[in-house]
Protein backbone atom coordinates (compact mmCIF):
# COMPACT_ATOMS: atom_id res chain seq x y z
CA UNK A 1 -0.19 -0.08 -0.05
CA UNK A 2 1.26 3.55 -0.69
CA UNK A 3 1.11 6.39 1.80
CA UNK A 4 -1.27 9.39 0.92
CA UNK A 5 -0.19 12.56 2.11
CA UNK A 6 -1.84 15.85 2.90
CA UNK A 7 -0.10 18.64 0.83
CA UNK A 8 -2.64 21.42 1.69
CA UNK A 9 -6.11 22.10 2.86
CA UNK A 10 -8.24 25.09 2.26
CA UNK A 11 -11.85 26.48 2.92
CA UNK A 12 -14.09 29.29 2.47
CA UNK A 13 -15.35 31.59 5.32
CA UNK A 14 -18.60 29.79 6.66
CA UNK A 15 -21.52 32.24 5.70
CA UNK A 16 -25.17 32.31 7.17
CA UNK A 17 -27.49 30.54 5.24
CA UNK A 18 -30.19 33.37 4.55
CA UNK A 19 -31.64 35.36 1.59
CA UNK A 20 -31.35 38.66 3.41
CA UNK A 21 -28.47 38.54 5.86
CA UNK A 22 -26.20 35.80 4.43
CA UNK A 23 -23.03 37.22 3.15
CA UNK A 24 -23.04 34.72 0.50
CA UNK A 25 -26.69 34.83 -0.56
CA UNK A 26 -25.55 36.27 -4.03
CA UNK A 27 -22.88 33.36 -4.43
CA UNK A 28 -23.88 30.19 -5.81
CA UNK A 29 -22.47 26.93 -4.08
CA UNK A 30 -20.63 26.00 -7.27
CA UNK A 31 -18.71 29.36 -6.95
CA UNK A 32 -17.78 28.50 -3.49
CA UNK A 33 -16.35 25.11 -4.58
CA UNK A 34 -14.33 26.47 -7.30
CA UNK A 35 -13.08 29.12 -5.03
CA UNK A 36 -11.26 26.37 -2.72
CA UNK A 37 -9.96 24.61 -5.86
CA UNK A 38 -8.32 27.89 -7.46
CA UNK A 39 -6.52 28.28 -4.06
CA UNK A 40 -5.11 25.16 -4.01
CA UNK A 41 -3.33 25.56 -7.21
CA UNK A 42 -2.26 29.23 -6.46
CA UNK A 43 -0.74 28.33 -3.36
CA UNK A 44 0.71 24.85 -4.91
CA UNK A 45 1.86 25.94 -8.50
CA UNK A 46 3.64 22.80 -9.16
CA UNK A 47 0.27 21.05 -9.53
CA UNK A 48 -1.63 21.89 -12.50
CA UNK A 49 -5.47 21.16 -12.96
CA UNK A 50 -4.82 18.64 -15.44
CA UNK A 51 -2.61 16.73 -13.04
CA UNK A 52 -5.16 15.72 -10.85
CA UNK A 53 -6.58 12.41 -11.12
CA UNK A 54 -9.87 12.88 -10.09
CA UNK A 55 -12.23 15.26 -8.02
CA UNK A 56 -14.01 14.02 -5.37
CA UNK A 57 -17.23 16.42 -3.98
CA UNK A 58 -19.20 15.54 -1.00
CA UNK A 59 -22.53 17.34 -0.66
CA UNK A 60 -25.52 16.29 1.64
CA UNK A 61 -28.30 17.06 -0.93
CA UNK A 62 -27.32 16.69 -4.70
CA UNK A 63 -30.49 18.37 -6.49
CA UNK A 64 -30.89 21.87 -7.54
CA UNK A 65 -27.67 24.16 -7.51
CA UNK A 66 -25.57 21.16 -6.10
CA UNK A 67 -26.83 18.42 -8.87
CA UNK A 68 -23.52 16.64 -9.79
CA UNK A 69 -21.85 19.65 -8.50
CA UNK A 70 -18.40 17.52 -8.48
CA UNK A 71 -18.21 17.58 -12.30
CA UNK A 72 -20.66 21.03 -13.03
CA UNK A 73 -18.81 23.40 -10.67
CA UNK A 74 -15.46 21.97 -12.14
CA UNK A 75 -16.36 22.50 -15.98
CA UNK A 76 -17.98 25.73 -15.10
CA UNK A 77 -14.54 26.99 -13.44
CA UNK A 78 -12.95 26.04 -16.93
CA UNK A 79 -10.97 23.31 -15.70
CA UNK A 80 -9.75 20.62 -18.10
CA UNK A 81 -12.78 18.20 -19.08
CA UNK A 82 -10.00 15.27 -19.20
CA UNK A 83 -10.25 15.53 -15.24
CA UNK A 84 -13.01 13.18 -13.81
CA UNK A 85 -15.08 13.84 -11.07
CA UNK A 86 -17.57 12.18 -8.44
CA UNK A 87 -20.14 13.86 -6.09
CA UNK A 88 -20.82 12.01 -2.98
CA UNK A 89 -23.78 12.23 -1.39
CA UNK A 90 -23.75 10.73 2.41
CA UNK A 91 -25.48 13.65 4.24
CA UNK A 92 -23.31 15.42 6.80
CA UNK A 93 -20.20 12.97 6.58
CA UNK A 94 -20.37 13.67 2.57
CA UNK A 95 -16.77 15.80 2.58
CA UNK A 96 -14.96 13.29 4.74
CA UNK A 97 -16.36 10.18 2.81
CA UNK A 98 -15.06 12.23 -0.58
CA UNK A 99 -11.57 12.66 1.56
CA UNK A 100 -11.77 8.78 2.64
CA UNK A 101 -12.22 7.57 -1.21
CA UNK A 102 -9.53 10.01 -2.54
CA UNK A 103 -7.00 8.52 0.03
CA UNK A 104 -8.21 4.75 -0.95
CA UNK A 105 -7.39 5.68 -4.22
CA UNK A 106 -3.92 6.79 -3.67
CA UNK A 107 -3.00 4.28 -1.40
CA UNK A 108 -4.29 1.23 -3.86
CA UNK A 109 -1.96 2.89 -6.23
CA UNK A 110 -5.10 3.73 -8.67
CA UNK A 111 -4.37 7.54 -8.33
CA UNK A 112 -1.36 9.96 -7.40
CA UNK A 113 -3.13 13.18 -7.13
CA UNK A 114 -6.75 13.85 -5.97
CA UNK A 115 -8.95 16.43 -4.55
CA UNK A 116 -11.15 15.73 -1.86
CA UNK A 117 -13.68 18.41 -1.25
CA UNK A 118 -16.85 19.30 0.53
CA UNK A 119 -19.72 21.85 -0.13
CA UNK A 120 -23.39 23.11 1.13
CA UNK A 121 -25.46 26.18 0.49
CA UNK A 122 -28.42 25.70 3.04
CA UNK A 123 -30.07 28.68 1.88
CA UNK A 124 -30.29 27.74 -1.78
CA UNK A 125 -30.66 24.15 -1.39
CA UNK A 126 -32.40 23.73 2.11
CA UNK A 127 -32.39 20.62 4.21
CA UNK A 128 -34.53 17.96 2.89
CA UNK A 129 -35.39 19.75 -0.54
CA UNK A 130 -36.80 17.50 -3.43
CA UNK A 131 -36.45 14.60 -0.69
CA UNK A 132 -39.31 11.90 -0.77
CA UNK A 133 -38.90 9.66 2.14
CA UNK A 134 -39.69 5.83 1.38
CA UNK A 135 -43.07 5.48 3.14
CA UNK A 136 -41.90 1.87 4.18
CA UNK A 137 -39.18 3.54 6.57
CA UNK A 138 -42.34 4.58 9.16
CA UNK A 139 -42.80 0.71 9.39
CA UNK A 140 -39.58 0.65 11.19
CA UNK A 141 -39.17 4.36 12.86
CA UNK A 142 -41.49 6.86 14.20
CA UNK A 143 -41.31 9.61 11.57
CA UNK A 144 -41.33 12.44 14.47
CA UNK A 145 -37.94 11.07 15.77
CA UNK A 146 -36.31 11.21 12.47
CA UNK A 147 -35.73 15.07 12.12
CA UNK A 148 -32.42 16.34 13.37
CA UNK A 149 -33.48 18.39 16.23
CA UNK A 150 -35.69 15.35 17.59
CA UNK A 151 -32.61 13.11 17.32
CA UNK A 152 -30.76 15.45 19.50
CA UNK A 153 -33.48 15.54 22.26
CA UNK A 154 -33.51 11.90 22.36
CA UNK A 155 -29.80 11.60 22.50
CA UNK A 156 -29.98 14.15 25.29
CA UNK A 157 -32.40 12.17 27.26
CA UNK A 158 -30.72 8.74 26.59
CA UNK A 159 -27.37 9.69 27.24
CA UNK A 160 -28.30 12.02 30.43
CA UNK A 161 -27.08 15.36 28.91
CA UNK A 162 -28.59 18.31 30.71
CA UNK A 163 -29.34 21.68 29.27
CA UNK A 164 -26.88 23.42 31.63
CA UNK A 165 -24.05 20.66 29.91
CA UNK A 166 -25.06 21.84 26.36
CA UNK A 167 -25.03 25.34 27.11
CA UNK A 168 -21.76 25.35 28.64
CA UNK A 169 -20.44 23.31 25.57
CA UNK A 170 -21.87 25.82 23.22
CA UNK A 171 -20.48 28.81 25.11
CA UNK A 172 -16.82 27.49 25.05
CA UNK A 173 -17.45 26.43 21.50
CA UNK A 174 -17.89 30.40 20.53
CA UNK A 175 -15.51 31.72 23.41
CA UNK A 176 -12.82 29.64 21.65
CA UNK A 177 -14.01 30.35 17.93
CA UNK A 178 -13.50 33.65 18.72
CA UNK A 179 -10.27 33.45 20.43
CA UNK A 180 -8.79 31.74 17.19
CA UNK A 181 -10.29 33.96 15.07
CA UNK A 182 -8.84 37.21 16.61
CA UNK A 183 -5.57 35.49 16.92
CA UNK A 184 -5.39 35.02 13.18
CA UNK A 185 -5.28 30.75 13.48
CA UNK A 186 -7.81 30.35 10.62
CA UNK A 187 -5.62 32.73 8.26
CA UNK A 188 -3.73 29.50 6.70
CA UNK A 189 -6.76 27.84 5.69
CA UNK A 190 -9.59 30.36 4.70
CA UNK A 191 -9.64 31.62 1.44
CA UNK A 192 -11.46 34.95 1.10
CA UNK A 193 -14.39 35.21 -0.88
CA UNK A 194 -16.49 38.58 -2.01
CA UNK A 195 -19.78 38.69 -0.22
CA UNK A 196 -22.54 41.26 0.87
CA UNK A 197 -23.45 42.91 3.81
CA UNK A 198 -27.06 42.90 4.86
CA UNK A 199 -27.10 46.61 3.34
CA UNK A 200 -26.03 44.87 -0.07
CA UNK A 201 -22.44 46.39 0.14
CA UNK A 202 -19.92 44.20 -1.66
CA UNK A 203 -17.09 43.48 0.82
CA UNK A 204 -14.13 40.72 1.02
CA UNK A 205 -15.42 38.10 3.58
CA UNK A 206 -12.30 36.74 5.75
CA UNK A 207 -13.82 35.21 8.52
CA UNK A 208 -16.72 33.09 9.50
CA UNK A 209 -20.11 34.70 9.88
CA UNK A 210 -21.68 32.75 12.70
CA UNK A 211 -19.19 33.38 15.35
CA UNK A 212 -20.54 35.57 18.03
CA UNK A 213 -18.63 38.73 19.39
CA UNK A 214 -20.05 38.10 22.79
CA UNK A 215 -22.29 35.17 24.43
CA UNK A 216 -23.90 34.55 27.59
CA UNK A 217 -24.61 31.55 29.44
CA UNK A 218 -27.58 33.21 31.12
CA UNK A 219 -29.16 34.12 27.75
CA UNK A 220 -28.59 31.02 26.29
CA UNK A 221 -30.38 29.14 28.82
CA UNK A 222 -33.72 31.25 28.44
CA UNK A 223 -33.89 30.11 25.08
CA UNK A 224 -36.70 27.66 24.29
CA UNK A 225 -36.68 24.56 22.25
CA UNK A 226 -38.60 24.22 18.93
CA UNK A 227 -38.29 20.40 18.92
CA UNK A 228 -40.28 18.92 22.03
CA UNK A 229 -42.31 20.29 24.73
CA UNK A 230 -40.46 20.96 27.77
CA UNK A 231 -37.36 20.07 25.62
CA UNK A 232 -33.42 20.93 26.34
CA UNK A 233 -32.46 21.57 22.78
CA UNK A 234 -32.23 25.25 21.62
CA UNK A 235 -30.64 27.12 18.88
CA UNK A 236 -28.27 27.95 21.08
CA UNK A 237 -27.01 24.47 21.15
CA UNK A 238 -27.53 23.40 17.78
CA UNK A 239 -25.52 24.26 14.55
CA UNK A 240 -26.95 27.03 12.44
CA UNK A 241 -27.68 26.95 8.98
CA UNK A 242 -24.96 27.60 7.09
CA UNK A 243 -22.82 27.80 3.20
CA UNK A 244 -19.34 26.98 2.59
CA UNK A 245 -17.02 24.66 0.86
CA UNK A 246 -13.47 23.04 1.55
CA UNK A 247 -10.93 20.99 -0.20
CA UNK A 248 -7.63 18.97 0.48
CA UNK A 249 -5.01 18.22 -1.92
CA UNK A 250 -3.98 14.88 -1.43
CA UNK A 251 -1.14 12.99 -3.11
CA UNK A 252 0.89 9.69 -3.27
CA UNK A 253 3.95 10.43 -1.01
CA UNK A 254 6.52 9.28 -3.60
CA UNK A 255 4.86 11.41 -5.97
CA UNK A 256 4.91 14.46 -3.67
CA UNK A 257 8.68 13.58 -3.11
CA UNK A 258 9.26 13.32 -6.91
CA UNK A 259 7.82 16.93 -7.04
CA UNK A 260 9.74 18.20 -4.11
CA UNK A 261 6.59 19.29 -2.12
CA UNK A 262 6.59 19.44 1.43
CA UNK A 263 4.12 17.55 4.02
CA UNK A 264 3.81 16.75 7.70
CA UNK A 265 1.00 14.73 7.97
CA UNK A 266 -0.71 11.30 6.13
CA UNK A 267 -4.24 9.81 6.11
CA UNK A 268 -3.55 7.05 8.46
CA UNK A 269 -7.07 5.06 8.46
CA UNK A 270 -10.90 5.94 8.36
CA UNK A 271 -13.98 4.09 8.80
CA UNK A 272 -17.61 4.36 8.48
CA UNK A 273 -20.51 3.04 10.68
CA UNK A 274 -24.22 2.75 11.07
CA UNK A 275 -26.70 3.44 13.97
CA UNK A 276 -30.15 4.05 14.98
CA UNK A 277 -31.24 7.25 12.77
CA UNK A 278 -33.14 8.29 15.64
CA UNK A 279 -30.06 9.00 17.59
CA UNK A 280 -27.96 9.79 14.65
CA UNK A 281 -25.92 11.93 16.65
CA UNK A 282 -23.95 9.46 18.49
CA UNK A 283 -22.84 7.49 15.23
CA UNK A 284 -19.19 8.61 15.88
CA UNK A 285 -19.07 6.35 19.17
CA UNK A 286 -19.53 3.46 16.88
CA UNK A 287 -17.36 4.83 14.06
CA UNK A 288 -14.43 5.76 16.35
CA UNK A 289 -14.75 2.32 18.39
CA UNK A 290 -14.42 0.50 14.93
CA UNK A 291 -11.55 2.49 13.94
CA UNK A 292 -9.79 1.99 17.43
CA UNK A 293 -10.43 -1.52 17.43
CA UNK A 294 -9.27 -2.33 13.68
CA UNK A 295 -6.21 -0.44 13.86
CA UNK A 296 -5.06 -0.66 17.39
CA UNK A 297 -5.36 2.98 18.21
CA UNK A 298 -6.75 4.46 21.41
CA UNK A 299 -8.36 7.72 22.70
CA UNK A 300 -5.41 8.52 24.64
CA UNK A 301 -2.87 8.28 21.82
CA UNK A 302 -5.03 11.22 19.34
CA UNK A 303 -2.87 14.35 20.32
CA UNK A 304 -6.09 16.62 18.96
CA UNK A 305 -9.58 16.01 17.79
CA UNK A 306 -12.04 17.40 15.88
CA UNK A 307 -15.51 16.47 16.31
CA UNK A 308 -18.53 18.11 14.20
CA UNK A 309 -20.85 19.83 16.48
CA UNK A 310 -24.07 19.13 14.97
CA UNK A 311 -25.87 19.80 18.52
CA UNK A 312 -23.98 20.00 22.09
CA UNK A 313 -25.87 17.04 23.20
CA UNK A 314 -24.54 14.45 20.60
CA UNK A 315 -21.05 15.75 20.60
CA UNK A 316 -21.00 15.74 24.27
CA UNK A 317 -22.22 11.91 24.33
CA UNK A 318 -19.80 10.97 22.16
CA UNK A 319 -16.60 12.71 23.94
CA UNK A 320 -17.98 11.43 27.22
CA UNK A 321 -18.44 7.72 25.73
CA UNK A 322 -15.35 7.68 24.04
CA UNK A 323 -13.34 9.18 26.61
CA UNK A 324 -11.94 11.84 24.30
CA UNK A 325 -11.64 14.59 26.89
CA UNK A 326 -12.98 16.09 29.65
CA UNK A 327 -16.36 15.50 30.60
CA UNK A 328 -17.44 18.76 29.37
CA UNK A 329 -15.74 21.96 27.90
CA UNK A 330 -13.29 23.76 28.04
CA UNK A 331 -11.68 20.70 26.44
CA UNK A 332 -8.02 20.20 26.26
CA UNK A 333 -7.61 18.64 22.84
CA UNK A 334 -10.95 18.72 21.32
CA UNK A 335 -12.27 21.28 18.97
CA UNK A 336 -9.69 23.77 20.40
CA UNK A 337 -10.56 26.55 17.82
CA UNK A 338 -14.22 26.00 18.32
CA UNK A 339 -16.53 23.96 16.56
CA UNK A 340 -19.89 23.92 14.51
CA UNK A 341 -22.02 25.73 17.06
CA UNK A 342 -19.99 28.96 16.53
CA UNK A 343 -18.24 28.09 13.12
CA UNK A 344 -21.71 26.87 11.49
CA UNK A 345 -22.27 23.27 9.90
CA UNK A 346 -22.71 23.43 5.96
CA UNK A 347 -23.69 19.69 5.98
CA UNK A 348 -21.64 18.17 2.88
CA UNK A 349 -18.50 20.73 3.57
CA UNK A 350 -18.19 20.00 7.35
CA UNK A 351 -16.49 16.52 6.98
CA UNK A 352 -13.88 17.96 4.62
CA UNK A 353 -13.73 21.35 6.88
CA UNK A 354 -12.96 19.57 10.19
CA UNK A 355 -9.89 17.91 8.38
CA UNK A 356 -8.76 20.88 6.84
CA UNK A 357 -8.86 22.37 10.40
CA UNK A 358 -7.19 19.46 12.28
CA UNK A 359 -4.34 19.41 9.84
CA UNK A 360 -3.79 23.29 10.99
CA UNK A 361 -4.42 22.58 14.41
CA UNK A 362 -2.15 19.39 14.40
CA UNK A 363 0.68 21.46 12.75
CA UNK A 364 0.64 24.45 14.97
CA UNK A 365 -0.98 23.38 18.41
CA UNK A 366 0.00 19.90 18.73
CA UNK A 367 3.43 19.62 16.68
CA UNK A 368 4.61 16.88 18.68
CA UNK A 369 1.51 14.62 18.68
CA UNK A 370 1.66 11.59 16.24
CA UNK A 371 -2.20 11.34 15.66
CA UNK A 372 -4.93 13.51 15.04
CA UNK A 373 -8.67 12.16 14.90
CA UNK A 374 -11.77 13.94 12.94
CA UNK A 375 -15.21 12.45 13.32
CA UNK A 376 -18.62 13.37 12.73
CA UNK A 377 -22.37 12.07 12.64
CA UNK A 378 -24.61 12.14 9.77
CA UNK A 379 -28.73 12.09 9.06
CA UNK A 380 -30.24 8.82 8.88
CA UNK A 381 -27.41 7.36 11.01
CA UNK A 382 -24.43 7.22 9.49
CA UNK A 383 -21.08 8.35 10.76
CA UNK A 384 -17.30 8.47 9.63
CA UNK A 385 -14.07 8.88 11.25
CA UNK A 386 -10.45 9.55 10.04
CA UNK A 387 -7.01 9.58 11.75
CA UNK A 388 -4.10 11.47 10.80
CA UNK A 389 -0.56 10.56 11.24
CA UNK A 390 2.40 12.77 11.50
CA UNK A 391 5.30 11.62 9.34
């Protein structure tokens, strides 16, 4: 098996998915996607578009503007027709699934240079748009337990996560995201994109729109749940609707050496797991356990961890059961630059985004650690986990 090294990773800022207030309301998702492709080629001039063996693009809803976006965005940007592509739909893990498939192609020798990406515009292609659920599904599951917010409430109940627990995690996610932004820690991964302010003024978007300038636990505790009568999950402890794109440049180690490119980490291993869709948020428990068992790894060996914060309840349940970190925030090595509760969660993008961020965190915050873990849950009970290894 060949080694798959990570040459680079970038992302757009995450914008609010809103047709009046979203900074990217006048930017199409295919434009966000090709923005990160452009950046990869500009930052790595030894790699030309025609050198890429294949483009893997993840999106949670491959319809409307995101229909076969892997191919159509590439062609719309004027890139070579000879480079094939694949659009991967796996709900929230789509961007990570794209990365895993790209890495496997390199490791098996089927490819040398791959771009793995993820994209989602939750304003222009809303959640569940054009979805027609199989009626037979309701013979097996209660349809009221399938929506994401409802699953988060069920997880909170079954894993004994209190509202205070959830608010505390969301509070620290926002604090850490703001601190990271203000310290310029995202500059190496964020590619600025032209957007529009609420008044229509065009400006260069250089940071994530959802990061709050100030947060209050007291105010967050007062927010009501829209999901369940007397429930515990609120907008404060849920990831917001977001638009964004991310991409990674992956390469076989021998090809990178031949081109004289530098790298610090490689794709060590990855896995997927399924679980009950009515508690879809705890999917990382099963994916990470499977990954550790198959490859002889442990939570204690992970120098840094990125877990997508779809909801506070599911993130805390996973962190606690897997013993990835402290029982609650502030965490020592998990989401140290904040998570999706503060940065946003553009569904199909997030799996790629957390790998881009993990790569940067390992290089800058944990340079002496051997491994880093990224994992996330997905709608309908899919979950992915990937380990990066320092070379």
